[in-house]
Amino acid sequence: MTVDAHLPHMPRRGILPVVIIIALLSLIAATFLGVVDLPAADVLAVLSGRGSPEAQSIILDIRLPRIVTGILAGVQFGVAGLLLQTITRNPLADPSLMGVSQGATLTVTLFLLFTVYIFNPGENTVAELPIAWLPVAGLAGGMIAGGIIYLLAFRLELSPLRITLCGIAIGAVLHALAVGLIAGWGSARIEIILEWLSGSLYARTWDHALFLLPFTIAGLLVLPVIYRPVVMLQFDAQVARSFGLAYRRQFSAVLLVSCALAASAVGAVGPIVFVGLVVPHLARFLAGRHFPLVLPLTVVLGAIFVTLGDLIGRLVGRAEEVPIGVVTAIVGVPVLLVLLRKIP
């Protein structure tokens, strides 16, 4: 049962434009504010194609890449969480509960172990590694974990609840393996992986944004195609089949989309917690009974959640910025507790 089924019927006309305006204001705030205090005139000069080299470097090479990367990752986490919650009919489902985040974590840990410790033992920073390969490693691990869940689900004909439990179990095993590797890595190099594990937009470049962009575009383009199957998958398999839905095929397609979105996002920015869990519930809360609004609200709210979370982390921590994963956890817990009161 979804949250929106228990909300009173109320007019929701105009809610999406309001949320879009909030997203634009968040984007503007994240562009103008940061660790380095730049006058608004300098920021406007850079955005208009002028400005000093220092201001251009801060805005064009540091702030905007991390903002765009965060927006794309937020959209992907939010949509992935919504799809997983819908097809598993589990309000607490998100990429971490399905083992996707843990699979990405393990492969990134292995990648860093081999590239830094074995092949280049004198290096201690992620920045000196091939940037393009870190997101690819995370994507591969997340997709493999999702594939394992898929194979077990249909080979054993598991129910949505059992699929979630299976994802939790496999995720726990993958996470334990990653932690074991980190523990044996040596204290001098643990900081390399811990920054990624916390979920961070620090040092994200246009390369990260370009890596995520195809996944975001493809995910948004496929949403109208899978909209009806997603609605039908909210029901039991027998009910969905009675409406003419090819249950297994459509379930597989939606699961593939959600895993691809989550795995690529985790690969680029790390496992930012609570975005895929909280954003869909907030979208349902705002949409009420108007389910067609849930998808677009999820897209926009995902971008807002990550953009503001990163901005808060930068402003609070200043030079020693607080990772966005910490901010989303602190903010996400009370928000989720309030929203879950609507679920019986």
C-alpha atoms as a PDB file:
ATOM      1  CA  MET A   1       0.000   0.000   0.000  1.00  0.00           C
ATOM      2  CA  THR A   2       1.403   3.391  -0.920  1.00  0.00           C
ATOM      3  CA  VAL A   3       1.518   6.523   1.187  1.00  0.00           C
ATOM      4  CA  ASP A   4      -0.723   8.461  -1.151  1.00  0.00           C
ATOM      5  CA  ALA A   5      -3.556   6.000  -0.636  1.00  0.00           C
ATOM      6  CA  HIS A   6      -3.887   7.174   2.961  1.00  0.00           C
ATOM      7  CA  LEU A   7      -3.718  10.904   2.373  1.00  0.00           C
ATOM      8  CA  PRO A   8      -6.874  12.981   2.210  1.00  0.00           C
ATOM      9  CA  HIS A   9      -7.936  14.020  -1.235  1.00  0.00           C
ATOM     10  CA  MET A  10      -6.878  17.601  -1.818  1.00  0.00           C
ATOM     11  CA  PRO A  11      -6.138  19.731  -4.852  1.00  0.00           C
ATOM     12  CA  ARG A  12      -2.502  19.418  -5.966  1.00  0.00           C
ATOM     13  CA  ARG A  13      -2.687  21.833  -8.884  1.00  0.00           C
ATOM     14  CA  GLY A  14       0.384  23.993  -8.960  1.00  0.00           C
ATOM     15  CA  ILE A  15       2.587  21.878  -6.663  1.00  0.00           C
ATOM     16  CA  LEU A  16       5.013  20.891  -9.437  1.00  0.00           C
ATOM     17  CA  PRO A  17       5.766  24.489 -10.549  1.00  0.00           C
ATOM     18  CA  VAL A  18       6.411  25.425  -6.922  1.00  0.00           C
ATOM     19  CA  VAL A  19       8.874  22.557  -6.505  1.00  0.00           C
ATOM     20  CA  ILE A  20      10.596  23.500  -9.781  1.00  0.00           C
ATOM     21  CA  ILE A  21      10.993  27.086  -8.524  1.00  0.00           C
ATOM     22  CA  ILE A  22      12.545  25.728  -5.311  1.00  0.00           C
ATOM     23  CA  ALA A  23      14.932  23.650  -7.412  1.00  0.00           C
ATOM     24  CA  LEU A  24      15.997  26.726  -9.399  1.00  0.00           C
ATOM     25  CA  LEU A  25      16.536  28.704  -6.198  1.00  0.00           C
ATOM     26  CA  SER A  26      18.626  25.836  -4.824  1.00  0.00           C
ATOM     27  CA  LEU A  27      20.736  25.845  -7.981  1.00  0.00           C
ATOM     28  CA  ILE A  28      21.283  29.598  -7.732  1.00  0.00           C
ATOM     29  CA  ALA A  29      22.200  29.394  -4.038  1.00  0.00           C
ATOM     30  CA  ALA A  30      24.667  26.556  -4.665  1.00  0.00           C
ATOM     31  CA  THR A  31      26.289  28.590  -7.451  1.00  0.00           C
ATOM     32  CA  PHE A  32      26.649  31.814  -5.485  1.00  0.00           C
ATOM     33  CA  LEU A  33      27.587  30.324  -2.086  1.00  0.00           C
ATOM     34  CA  GLY A  34      30.538  28.178  -1.141  1.00  0.00           C
ATOM     35  CA  VAL A  35      33.721  27.777   0.863  1.00  0.00           C
ATOM     36  CA  VAL A  36      35.285  30.745  -0.962  1.00  0.00           C
ATOM     37  CA  ASP A  37      33.254  33.927  -0.514  1.00  0.00           C
ATOM     38  CA  LEU A  38      32.844  35.427  -3.980  1.00  0.00           C
ATOM     39  CA  PRO A  39      30.942  38.690  -4.451  1.00  0.00           C
ATOM     40  CA  ALA A  40      27.708  38.231  -6.382  1.00  0.00           C
ATOM     41  CA  ALA A  41      29.031  40.620  -9.041  1.00  0.00           C
ATOM     42  CA  ASP A  42      32.013  38.309  -9.670  1.00  0.00           C
ATOM     43  CA  VAL A  43      29.759  35.272  -9.987  1.00  0.00           C
ATOM     44  CA  LEU A  44      27.477  37.087 -12.435  1.00  0.00           C
ATOM     45  CA  ALA A  45      30.523  38.222 -14.416  1.00  0.00           C
ATOM     46  CA  VAL A  46      31.703  34.614 -14.765  1.00  0.00           C
ATOM     47  CA  LEU A  47      28.246  33.409 -15.797  1.00  0.00           C
ATOM     48  CA  SER A  48      28.112  36.131 -18.458  1.00  0.00           C
ATOM     49  CA  GLY A  49      31.437  35.033 -19.928  1.00  0.00           C
ATOM     50  CA  ARG A  50      33.711  37.489 -18.145  1.00  0.00           C
ATOM     51  CA  GLY A  51      35.260  37.589 -14.674  1.00  0.00           C
ATOM     52  CA  SER A  52      38.738  37.058 -13.291  1.00  0.00           C
ATOM     53  CA  PRO A  53      40.623  33.786 -13.920  1.00  0.00           C
ATOM     54  CA  GLU A  54      40.346  32.936 -10.213  1.00  0.00           C
ATOM     55  CA  ALA A  55      36.568  33.418 -10.176  1.00  0.00           C
ATOM     56  CA  GLN A  56      36.204  31.458 -13.417  1.00  0.00           C
ATOM     57  CA  SER A  57      38.182  28.585 -11.950  1.00  0.00           C
ATOM     58  CA  ILE A  58      36.049  28.490  -8.798  1.00  0.00           C
ATOM     59  CA  ILE A  59      32.705  28.686 -10.613  1.00  0.00           C
ATOM     60  CA  LEU A  60      33.356  26.792 -13.842  1.00  0.00           C
ATOM     61  CA  ASP A  61      35.838  24.179 -12.658  1.00  0.00           C
ATOM     62  CA  ILE A  62      34.732  23.534  -9.074  1.00  0.00           C
ATOM     63  CA  ARG A  63      31.177  24.608  -8.198  1.00  0.00           C
ATOM     64  CA  LEU A  64      29.248  24.004 -11.415  1.00  0.00           C
ATOM     65  CA  PRO A  65      30.678  20.515 -12.085  1.00  0.00           C
ATOM     66  CA  ARG A  66      29.812  19.307  -8.591  1.00  0.00           C
ATOM     67  CA  ILE A  67      26.373  20.952  -8.768  1.00  0.00           C
ATOM     68  CA  VAL A  68      25.526  19.316 -12.098  1.00  0.00           C
ATOM     69  CA  THR A  69      26.925  15.972 -10.952  1.00  0.00           C
ATOM     70  CA  GLY A  70      24.854  16.221  -7.764  1.00  0.00           C
ATOM     71  CA  ILE A  71      21.677  17.076  -9.663  1.00  0.00           C
ATOM     72  CA  LEU A  72      22.090  14.115 -12.010  1.00  0.00           C
ATOM     73  CA  ALA A  73      22.908  11.747  -9.145  1.00  0.00           C
ATOM     74  CA  GLY A  74      19.965  13.032  -7.099  1.00  0.00           C
ATOM     75  CA  VAL A  75      17.565  12.445  -9.973  1.00  0.00           C
ATOM     76  CA  GLN A  76      18.881   8.926 -10.455  1.00  0.00           C
ATOM     77  CA  PHE A  77      18.784   8.004  -6.767  1.00  0.00           C
ATOM     78  CA  GLY A  78      15.254   9.355  -6.406  1.00  0.00           C
ATOM     79  CA  VAL A  79      13.840   7.588  -9.462  1.00  0.00           C
ATOM     80  CA  ALA A  80      15.647   4.337  -8.622  1.00  0.00           C
ATOM     81  CA  GLY A  81      14.200   4.414  -5.113  1.00  0.00           C
ATOM     82  CA  LEU A  82      10.676   5.080  -6.385  1.00  0.00           C
ATOM     83  CA  LEU A  83      10.848   2.213  -8.886  1.00  0.00           C
ATOM     84  CA  LEU A  84      12.223  -0.230  -6.309  1.00  0.00           C
ATOM     85  CA  GLN A  85       9.624   0.727  -3.698  1.00  0.00           C
ATOM     86  CA  THR A  86       6.869   0.292  -6.259  1.00  0.00           C
ATOM     87  CA  ILE A  87       7.796  -3.086  -7.757  1.00  0.00           C
ATOM     88  CA  THR A  88       8.728  -4.643  -4.398  1.00  0.00           C
ATOM     89  CA  ARG A  89       5.724  -3.011  -2.704  1.00  0.00           C
ATOM     90  CA  ASN A  90       8.079  -2.194   0.148  1.00  0.00           C
ATOM     91  CA  PRO A  91       8.027   1.417   1.408  1.00  0.00           C
ATOM     92  CA  LEU A  92      11.533   1.018   2.831  1.00  0.00           C
ATOM     93  CA  ALA A  93      13.172  -0.269  -0.343  1.00  0.00           C
ATOM     94  CA  ASP A  94      16.078   1.683  -1.781  1.00  0.00           C
ATOM     95  CA  PRO A  95      19.316   0.868  -3.663  1.00  0.00           C
ATOM     96  CA  SER A  96      21.099  -0.169  -0.466  1.00  0.00           C
ATOM     97  CA  LEU A  97      18.362  -2.631   0.512  1.00  0.00           C
ATOM     98  CA  MET A  98      18.658  -4.314  -2.882  1.00  0.00           C
ATOM     99  CA  GLY A  99      22.419  -4.761  -2.592  1.00  0.00           C
ATOM    100  CA  VAL A 100      23.195  -2.336  -5.428  1.00  0.00           C
ATOM    101  CA  SER A 101      25.106   0.147  -3.254  1.00  0.00           C
ATOM    102  CA  GLN A 102      27.055  -2.627  -1.529  1.00  0.00           C
ATOM    103  CA  GLY A 103      27.974  -4.230  -4.853  1.00  0.00           C
ATOM    104  CA  ALA A 104      29.305  -0.904  -6.080  1.00  0.00           C
ATOM    105  CA  THR A 105      31.175  -0.417  -2.802  1.00  0.00           C
ATOM    106  CA  LEU A 106      32.918  -3.771  -3.099  1.00  0.00           C
ATOM    107  CA  THR A 107      34.050  -3.248  -6.691  1.00  0.00           C
ATOM    108  CA  VAL A 108      35.276   0.291  -5.968  1.00  0.00           C
ATOM    109  CA  THR A 109      37.201  -1.041  -2.973  1.00  0.00           C
ATOM    110  CA  LEU A 110      38.765  -3.749  -5.129  1.00  0.00           C
ATOM    111  CA  PHE A 111      39.574  -1.213  -7.829  1.00  0.00           C
ATOM    112  CA  LEU A 112      41.304   1.116  -5.379  1.00  0.00           C
ATOM    113  CA  LEU A 113      43.108  -1.777  -3.722  1.00  0.00           C
ATOM    114  CA  PHE A 114      44.612  -3.010  -6.967  1.00  0.00           C
ATOM    115  CA  THR A 115      45.371   0.360  -8.534  1.00  0.00           C
ATOM    116  CA  VAL A 116      46.668   2.159  -5.448  1.00  0.00           C
ATOM    117  CA  TYR A 117      48.056  -0.507  -3.161  1.00  0.00           C
ATOM    118  CA  ILE A 118      49.295  -3.184  -5.545  1.00  0.00           C
ATOM    119  CA  PHE A 119      50.246  -1.359  -8.743  1.00  0.00           C
ATOM    120  CA  ASN A 120      51.083   2.057  -7.297  1.00  0.00           C
ATOM    121  CA  PRO A 121      51.770   1.643  -3.555  1.00  0.00           C
ATOM    122  CA  GLY A 122      53.300   5.090  -3.137  1.00  0.00           C
ATOM    123  CA  GLU A 123      50.132   6.999  -4.039  1.00  0.00           C
ATOM    124  CA  ASN A 124      47.480   7.888  -1.457  1.00  0.00           C
ATOM    125  CA  THR A 125      44.874  10.025  -3.238  1.00  0.00           C
ATOM    126  CA  VAL A 126      41.909   9.139  -5.382  1.00  0.00           C
ATOM    127  CA  ALA A 127      42.584  12.228  -7.511  1.00  0.00           C
ATOM    128  CA  GLU A 128      45.675  10.577  -8.979  1.00  0.00           C
ATOM    129  CA  LEU A 129      43.717   7.568 -10.210  1.00  0.00           C
ATOM    130  CA  PRO A 130      42.100   7.385 -13.660  1.00  0.00           C
ATOM    131  CA  ILE A 131      38.893   9.365 -13.022  1.00  0.00           C
ATOM    132  CA  ALA A 132      36.897   7.589 -15.705  1.00  0.00           C
ATOM    133  CA  TRP A 133      37.370   4.135 -14.198  1.00  0.00           C
ATOM    134  CA  LEU A 134      36.096   4.721 -10.664  1.00  0.00           C
ATOM    135  CA  PRO A 135      32.445   5.294 -11.713  1.00  0.00           C
ATOM    136  CA  VAL A 136      32.694   2.404 -14.173  1.00  0.00           C
ATOM    137  CA  ALA A 137      33.892   0.105 -11.397  1.00  0.00           C
ATOM    138  CA  GLY A 138      30.962   1.131  -9.200  1.00  0.00           C
ATOM    139  CA  LEU A 139      28.497   0.707 -12.058  1.00  0.00           C
ATOM    140  CA  ALA A 140      29.759  -2.790 -12.796  1.00  0.00           C
ATOM    141  CA  GLY A 141      29.502  -3.867  -9.163  1.00  0.00           C
ATOM    142  CA  GLY A 142      26.028  -2.449  -8.699  1.00  0.00           C
ATOM    143  CA  MET A 143      24.730  -4.092 -11.862  1.00  0.00           C
ATOM    144  CA  ILE A 144      26.265  -7.442 -10.908  1.00  0.00           C
ATOM    145  CA  ALA A 145      24.614  -7.262  -7.473  1.00  0.00           C
ATOM    146  CA  GLY A 146      21.278  -6.365  -9.084  1.00  0.00           C
ATOM    147  CA  GLY A 147      21.697  -9.241 -11.541  1.00  0.00           C
ATOM    148  CA  ILE A 148      22.248 -11.703  -8.701  1.00  0.00           C
ATOM    149  CA  ILE A 149      19.069 -10.504  -6.999  1.00  0.00           C
ATOM    150  CA  TYR A 150      17.177 -10.814 -10.283  1.00  0.00           C
ATOM    151  CA  LEU A 151      18.368 -14.366 -10.971  1.00  0.00           C
ATOM    152  CA  LEU A 152      17.515 -15.523  -7.478  1.00  0.00           C
ATOM    153  CA  ALA A 153      14.136 -13.792  -7.569  1.00  0.00           C
ATOM    154  CA  PHE A 154      12.896 -15.558 -10.675  1.00  0.00           C
ATOM    155  CA  ARG A 155      14.738 -18.844 -10.345  1.00  0.00           C
ATOM    156  CA  LEU A 156      13.240 -19.332  -6.879  1.00  0.00           C
ATOM    157  CA  GLU A 157      10.006 -17.459  -7.734  1.00  0.00           C
ATOM    158  CA  LEU A 158      10.382 -15.161  -4.750  1.00  0.00           C
ATOM    159  CA  SER A 159       7.676 -12.757  -3.623  1.00  0.00           C
ATOM    160  CA  PRO A 160       8.468  -9.006  -3.495  1.00  0.00           C
ATOM    161  CA  LEU A 161       9.049  -9.267   0.271  1.00  0.00           C
ATOM    162  CA  ARG A 162      11.433 -12.181  -0.152  1.00  0.00           C
ATOM    163  CA  ILE A 163      13.233 -10.310  -2.937  1.00  0.00           C
ATOM    164  CA  THR A 164      13.852  -7.456  -0.494  1.00  0.00           C
ATOM    165  CA  LEU A 165      15.088  -9.838   2.198  1.00  0.00           C
ATOM    166  CA  CYS A 166      17.331 -11.521  -0.354  1.00  0.00           C
ATOM    167  CA  GLY A 167      18.720  -8.113  -1.327  1.00  0.00           C
ATOM    168  CA  ILE A 168      19.424  -7.286   2.316  1.00  0.00           C
ATOM    169  CA  ALA A 169      21.245 -10.587   2.833  1.00  0.00           C
ATOM    170  CA  ILE A 170      23.383 -10.290  -0.290  1.00  0.00           C
ATOM    171  CA  GLY A 171      24.069  -6.632   0.464  1.00  0.00           C
ATOM    172  CA  ALA A 172      25.265  -7.580   3.952  1.00  0.00           C
ATOM    173  CA  VAL A 173      27.670 -10.152   2.534  1.00  0.00           C
ATOM    174  CA  LEU A 174      29.048  -7.718  -0.054  1.00  0.00           C
ATOM    175  CA  HIS A 175      29.410  -4.984   2.555  1.00  0.00           C
ATOM    176  CA  ALA A 176      31.222  -7.372   4.920  1.00  0.00           C
ATOM    177  CA  LEU A 177      33.664  -8.285   2.156  1.00  0.00           C
ATOM    178  CA  ALA A 178      34.334  -4.610   1.413  1.00  0.00           C
ATOM    179  CA  VAL A 179      34.848  -3.802   5.106  1.00  0.00           C
ATOM    180  CA  GLY A 180      37.197  -6.768   5.432  1.00  0.00           C
ATOM    181  CA  LEU A 181      39.296  -5.492   2.538  1.00  0.00           C
ATOM    182  CA  ILE A 182      39.361  -1.982   3.994  1.00  0.00           C
ATOM    183  CA  ALA A 183      40.369  -3.282   7.429  1.00  0.00           C
ATOM    184  CA  GLY A 184      43.282  -5.164   5.935  1.00  0.00           C
ATOM    185  CA  TRP A 185      44.304  -2.274   3.721  1.00  0.00           C
ATOM    186  CA  GLY A 186      46.343  -0.339   6.284  1.00  0.00           C
ATOM    187  CA  SER A 187      45.540   2.866   8.151  1.00  0.00           C
ATOM    188  CA  ALA A 188      47.595   5.035   5.804  1.00  0.00           C
ATOM    189  CA  ARG A 189      45.269   4.341   2.909  1.00  0.00           C
ATOM    190  CA  ILE A 190      41.860   3.891   4.542  1.00  0.00           C
ATOM    191  CA  GLU A 191      41.039   7.583   4.012  1.00  0.00           C
ATOM    192  CA  ILE A 192      40.994   7.019   0.263  1.00  0.00           C
ATOM    193  CA  ILE A 193      37.987   4.741   0.367  1.00  0.00           C
ATOM    194  CA  LEU A 194      36.276   6.317   3.399  1.00  0.00           C
ATOM    195  CA  GLU A 195      35.715   9.570   1.500  1.00  0.00           C
ATOM    196  CA  TRP A 196      33.970   7.683  -1.289  1.00  0.00           C
ATOM    197  CA  LEU A 197      31.976   5.506   1.142  1.00  0.00           C
ATOM    198  CA  SER A 198      30.563   8.560   2.922  1.00  0.00           C
ATOM    199  CA  GLY A 199      29.005   9.800  -0.314  1.00  0.00           C
ATOM    200  CA  SER A 200      30.658  12.965  -1.500  1.00  0.00           C
ATOM    201  CA  LEU A 201      30.700  15.497  -4.317  1.00  0.00           C
ATOM    202  CA  TYR A 202      34.174  16.686  -3.367  1.00  0.00           C
ATOM    203  CA  ALA A 203      36.513  17.041  -6.370  1.00  0.00           C
ATOM    204  CA  ARG A 204      33.797  15.958  -8.793  1.00  0.00           C
ATOM    205  CA  THR A 205      34.510  17.227 -12.293  1.00  0.00           C
ATOM    206  CA  TRP A 206      32.755  17.574 -15.615  1.00  0.00           C
ATOM    207  CA  ASP A 207      33.961  14.027 -16.359  1.00  0.00           C
ATOM    208  CA  HIS A 208      31.677  12.724 -13.610  1.00  0.00           C
ATOM    209  CA  ALA A 209      28.750  14.754 -14.929  1.00  0.00           C
ATOM    210  CA  LEU A 210      29.351  13.469 -18.460  1.00  0.00           C
ATOM    211  CA  PHE A 211      29.505   9.922 -17.121  1.00  0.00           C
ATOM    212  CA  LEU A 212      26.100  10.285 -15.449  1.00  0.00           C
ATOM    213  CA  LEU A 213      24.365  12.288 -18.178  1.00  0.00           C
ATOM    214  CA  PRO A 214      23.577   9.371 -20.572  1.00  0.00           C
ATOM    215  CA  PHE A 215      22.097   7.325 -17.715  1.00  0.00           C
ATOM    216  CA  THR A 216      19.958  10.240 -16.539  1.00  0.00           C
ATOM    217  CA  ILE A 217      18.696  11.030 -20.038  1.00  0.00           C
ATOM    218  CA  ALA A 218      17.978   7.381 -20.832  1.00  0.00           C
ATOM    219  CA  GLY A 219      16.213   6.917 -17.497  1.00  0.00           C
ATOM    220  CA  LEU A 220      13.988   9.955 -18.006  1.00  0.00           C
ATOM    221  CA  LEU A 221      13.171   8.966 -21.585  1.00  0.00           C
ATOM    222  CA  VAL A 222      12.144   5.460 -20.567  1.00  0.00           C
ATOM    223  CA  LEU A 223       9.884   6.600 -17.710  1.00  0.00           C
ATOM    224  CA  PRO A 224       6.847   7.336 -19.937  1.00  0.00           C
ATOM    225  CA  VAL A 225       7.289   3.915 -21.554  1.00  0.00           C
ATOM    226  CA  ILE A 226       7.312   2.023 -18.262  1.00  0.00           C
ATOM    227  CA  TYR A 227       4.740   4.220 -16.520  1.00  0.00           C
ATOM    228  CA  ARG A 228       1.790   1.843 -17.009  1.00  0.00           C
ATOM    229  CA  PRO A 229       3.794  -1.264 -15.995  1.00  0.00           C
ATOM    230  CA  VAL A 230       5.008   0.582 -12.893  1.00  0.00           C
ATOM    231  CA  VAL A 231       1.397   1.377 -11.936  1.00  0.00           C
ATOM    232  CA  MET A 232       0.344  -2.248 -12.515  1.00  0.00           C
ATOM    233  CA  LEU A 233       3.318  -3.650 -10.600  1.00  0.00           C
ATOM    234  CA  GLN A 234       1.935  -2.042  -7.446  1.00  0.00           C
ATOM    235  CA  PHE A 235      -0.550  -4.916  -7.364  1.00  0.00           C
ATOM    236  CA  ASP A 236      -0.039  -8.627  -6.761  1.00  0.00           C
ATOM    237  CA  ALA A 237       1.233 -10.654  -9.703  1.00  0.00           C
ATOM    238  CA  GLN A 238      -2.150 -12.303 -10.270  1.00  0.00           C
ATOM    239  CA  VAL A 239      -3.958  -8.962 -10.333  1.00  0.00           C
ATOM    240  CA  ALA A 240      -1.368  -7.407 -12.644  1.00  0.00           C
ATOM    241  CA  ARG A 241      -1.622 -10.358 -15.065  1.00  0.00           C
ATOM    242  CA  SER A 242      -5.415 -10.043 -15.061  1.00  0.00           C
ATOM    243  CA  PHE A 243      -4.925  -6.580 -16.597  1.00  0.00           C
ATOM    244  CA  GLY A 244      -2.852  -8.132 -19.375  1.00  0.00           C
ATOM    245  CA  LEU A 245       0.569  -7.284 -17.941  1.00  0.00           C
ATOM    246  CA  ALA A 246       3.503  -9.550 -18.813  1.00  0.00           C
ATOM    247  CA  TYR A 247       4.524  -9.540 -15.154  1.00  0.00           C
ATOM    248  CA  ARG A 248       7.963 -11.138 -15.281  1.00  0.00           C
ATOM    249  CA  ARG A 249       9.113  -9.211 -18.347  1.00  0.00           C
ATOM    250  CA  GLN A 250       7.923  -5.848 -17.050  1.00  0.00           C
ATOM    251  CA  PHE A 251       9.254  -6.501 -13.555  1.00  0.00           C
ATOM    252  CA  SER A 252      12.632  -7.335 -15.085  1.00  0.00           C
ATOM    253  CA  ALA A 253      12.623  -4.180 -17.216  1.00  0.00           C
ATOM    254  CA  VAL A 254      11.799  -1.885 -14.288  1.00  0.00           C
ATOM    255  CA  LEU A 255      14.339  -3.614 -12.051  1.00  0.00           C
ATOM    256  CA  LEU A 256      17.005  -3.199 -14.745  1.00  0.00           C
ATOM    257  CA  VAL A 257      16.255   0.523 -15.083  1.00  0.00           C
ATOM    258  CA  SER A 258      16.352   1.099 -11.319  1.00  0.00           C
ATOM    259  CA  CYS A 259      19.593  -0.862 -10.863  1.00  0.00           C
ATOM    260  CA  ALA A 260      21.300   0.957 -13.758  1.00  0.00           C
ATOM    261  CA  LEU A 261      20.312   4.358 -12.362  1.00  0.00           C
ATOM    262  CA  ALA A 262      21.363   3.499  -8.810  1.00  0.00           C
ATOM    263  CA  ALA A 263      24.604   1.740  -9.755  1.00  0.00           C
ATOM    264  CA  SER A 264      25.828   4.541 -12.033  1.00  0.00           C
ATOM    265  CA  ALA A 265      24.990   7.179  -9.405  1.00  0.00           C
ATOM    266  CA  VAL A 266      26.771   5.242  -6.653  1.00  0.00           C
ATOM    267  CA  GLY A 267      29.749   4.769  -8.942  1.00  0.00           C
ATOM    268  CA  ALA A 268      30.053   8.506  -9.538  1.00  0.00           C
ATOM    269  CA  VAL A 269      29.364   9.994  -6.088  1.00  0.00           C
ATOM    270  CA  GLY A 270      29.365   7.094  -3.654  1.00  0.00           C
ATOM    271  CA  PRO A 271      26.420   5.630  -1.712  1.00  0.00           C
ATOM    272  CA  ILE A 272      24.606   8.815  -0.677  1.00  0.00           C
ATOM    273  CA  VAL A 273      22.126   7.490   1.868  1.00  0.00           C
ATOM    274  CA  PHE A 274      18.440   8.296   2.288  1.00  0.00           C
ATOM    275  CA  VAL A 275      17.977  10.045  -1.090  1.00  0.00           C
ATOM    276  CA  GLY A 276      16.430   7.000  -2.758  1.00  0.00           C
ATOM    277  CA  LEU A 277      14.441   6.278   0.389  1.00  0.00           C
ATOM    278  CA  VAL A 278      13.086   9.679   1.433  1.00  0.00           C
ATOM    279  CA  VAL A 279      12.526  11.434  -1.902  1.00  0.00           C
ATOM    280  CA  PRO A 280       9.841   9.026  -3.236  1.00  0.00           C
ATOM    281  CA  HIS A 281       7.888   9.301   0.030  1.00  0.00           C
ATOM    282  CA  LEU A 282       8.098  13.077  -0.040  1.00  0.00           C
ATOM    283  CA  ALA A 283       6.906  13.049  -3.667  1.00  0.00           C
ATOM    284  CA  ARG A 284       3.930  10.863  -2.751  1.00  0.00           C
ATOM    285  CA  PHE A 285       3.118  13.105   0.183  1.00  0.00           C
ATOM    286  CA  LEU A 286       3.058  16.199  -2.034  1.00  0.00           C
ATOM    287  CA  ALA A 287       1.213  14.478  -4.877  1.00  0.00           C
ATOM    288  CA  GLY A 288      -1.521  13.034  -2.682  1.00  0.00           C
ATOM    289  CA  ARG A 289      -3.807  10.813  -4.727  1.00  0.00           C
ATOM    290  CA  HIS A 290      -2.467  12.177  -8.022  1.00  0.00           C
ATOM    291  CA  PHE A 291      -0.010   9.395  -8.869  1.00  0.00           C
ATOM    292  CA  PRO A 292       0.915  10.895 -12.282  1.00  0.00           C
ATOM    293  CA  LEU A 293       2.591  13.710 -10.317  1.00  0.00           C
ATOM    294  CA  VAL A 294       4.774  11.336  -8.305  1.00  0.00           C
ATOM    295  CA  LEU A 295       7.342  10.643 -11.039  1.00  0.00           C
ATOM    296  CA  PRO A 296       8.057  14.279 -12.025  1.00  0.00           C
ATOM    297  CA  LEU A 297       8.069  15.330  -8.363  1.00  0.00           C
ATOM    298  CA  THR A 298      10.554  12.569  -7.588  1.00  0.00           C
ATOM    299  CA  VAL A 299      12.847  13.809 -10.356  1.00  0.00           C
ATOM    300  CA  VAL A 300      12.834  17.409  -9.150  1.00  0.00           C
ATOM    301  CA  LEU A 301      12.961  16.582  -5.426  1.00  0.00           C
ATOM    302  CA  GLY A 302      15.939  14.287  -5.971  1.00  0.00           C
ATOM    303  CA  ALA A 303      17.845  17.193  -7.520  1.00  0.00           C
ATOM    304  CA  ILE A 304      16.832  19.535  -4.671  1.00  0.00           C
ATOM    305  CA  PHE A 305      17.724  17.066  -1.923  1.00  0.00           C
ATOM    306  CA  VAL A 306      21.270  16.510  -3.175  1.00  0.00           C
ATOM    307  CA  THR A 307      21.912  20.136  -4.177  1.00  0.00           C
ATOM    308  CA  LEU A 308      20.878  21.531  -0.793  1.00  0.00           C
ATOM    309  CA  GLY A 309      22.585  18.699   1.078  1.00  0.00           C
ATOM    310  CA  ASP A 310      25.863  19.436  -0.651  1.00  0.00           C
ATOM    311  CA  LEU A 311      25.461  23.185  -0.084  1.00  0.00           C
ATOM    312  CA  ILE A 312      24.838  22.664   3.644  1.00  0.00           C
ATOM    313  CA  GLY A 313      27.898  20.441   3.884  1.00  0.00           C
ATOM    314  CA  ARG A 314      30.059  23.069   2.189  1.00  0.00           C
ATOM    315  CA  LEU A 315      28.794  25.964   4.309  1.00  0.00           C
ATOM    316  CA  VAL A 316      28.923  24.125   7.643  1.00  0.00           C
ATOM    317  CA  GLY A 317      32.280  22.446   7.161  1.00  0.00           C
ATOM    318  CA  ARG A 318      33.913  25.269   5.181  1.00  0.00           C
ATOM    319  CA  ALA A 319      37.393  24.055   4.117  1.00  0.00           C
ATOM    320  CA  GLU A 320      36.829  20.718   5.909  1.00  0.00           C
ATOM    321  CA  GLU A 321      33.450  20.206   4.263  1.00  0.00           C
ATOM    322  CA  VAL A 322      30.923  17.745   5.643  1.00  0.00           C
ATOM    323  CA  PRO A 323      30.271  14.896   3.142  1.00  0.00           C
ATOM    324  CA  ILE A 324      26.830  15.085   1.605  1.00  0.00           C
ATOM    325  CA  GLY A 325      26.065  11.545   2.786  1.00  0.00           C
ATOM    326  CA  VAL A 326      26.321  12.735   6.382  1.00  0.00           C
ATOM    327  CA  VAL A 327      24.000  15.684   5.702  1.00  0.00           C
ATOM    328  CA  THR A 328      21.361  13.579   3.921  1.00  0.00           C
ATOM    329  CA  ALA A 329      21.403  11.066   6.778  1.00  0.00           C
ATOM    330  CA  ILE A 330      20.932  13.757   9.439  1.00  0.00           C
ATOM    331  CA  VAL A 331      18.148  15.474   7.478  1.00  0.00           C
ATOM    332  CA  GLY A 332      16.630  12.307   6.073  1.00  0.00           C
ATOM    333  CA  VAL A 333      15.964  10.479   9.335  1.00  0.00           C
ATOM    334  CA  PRO A 334      13.465  12.972  10.858  1.00  0.00           C
ATOM    335  CA  VAL A 335      11.821  13.586   7.466  1.00  0.00           C
ATOM    336  CA  LEU A 336      11.388   9.861   6.920  1.00  0.00           C
ATOM    337  CA  LEU A 337       9.986   9.322  10.413  1.00  0.00           C
ATOM    338  CA  VAL A 338       7.367  11.999   9.826  1.00  0.00           C
ATOM    339  CA  LEU A 339       6.409  10.626   6.405  1.00  0.00           C
ATOM    340  CA  LEU A 340       6.268   7.005   7.569  1.00  0.00           C
ATOM    341  CA  ARG A 341       3.576   7.938  10.091  1.00  0.00           C
ATOM    342  CA  LYS A 342       1.263   7.916   7.068  1.00  0.00           C
ATOM    343  CA  ILE A 343       1.992   4.221   6.481  1.00  0.00           C
ATOM    344  CA  PRO A 344      -0.014   1.711   8.529  1.00  0.00           C
END
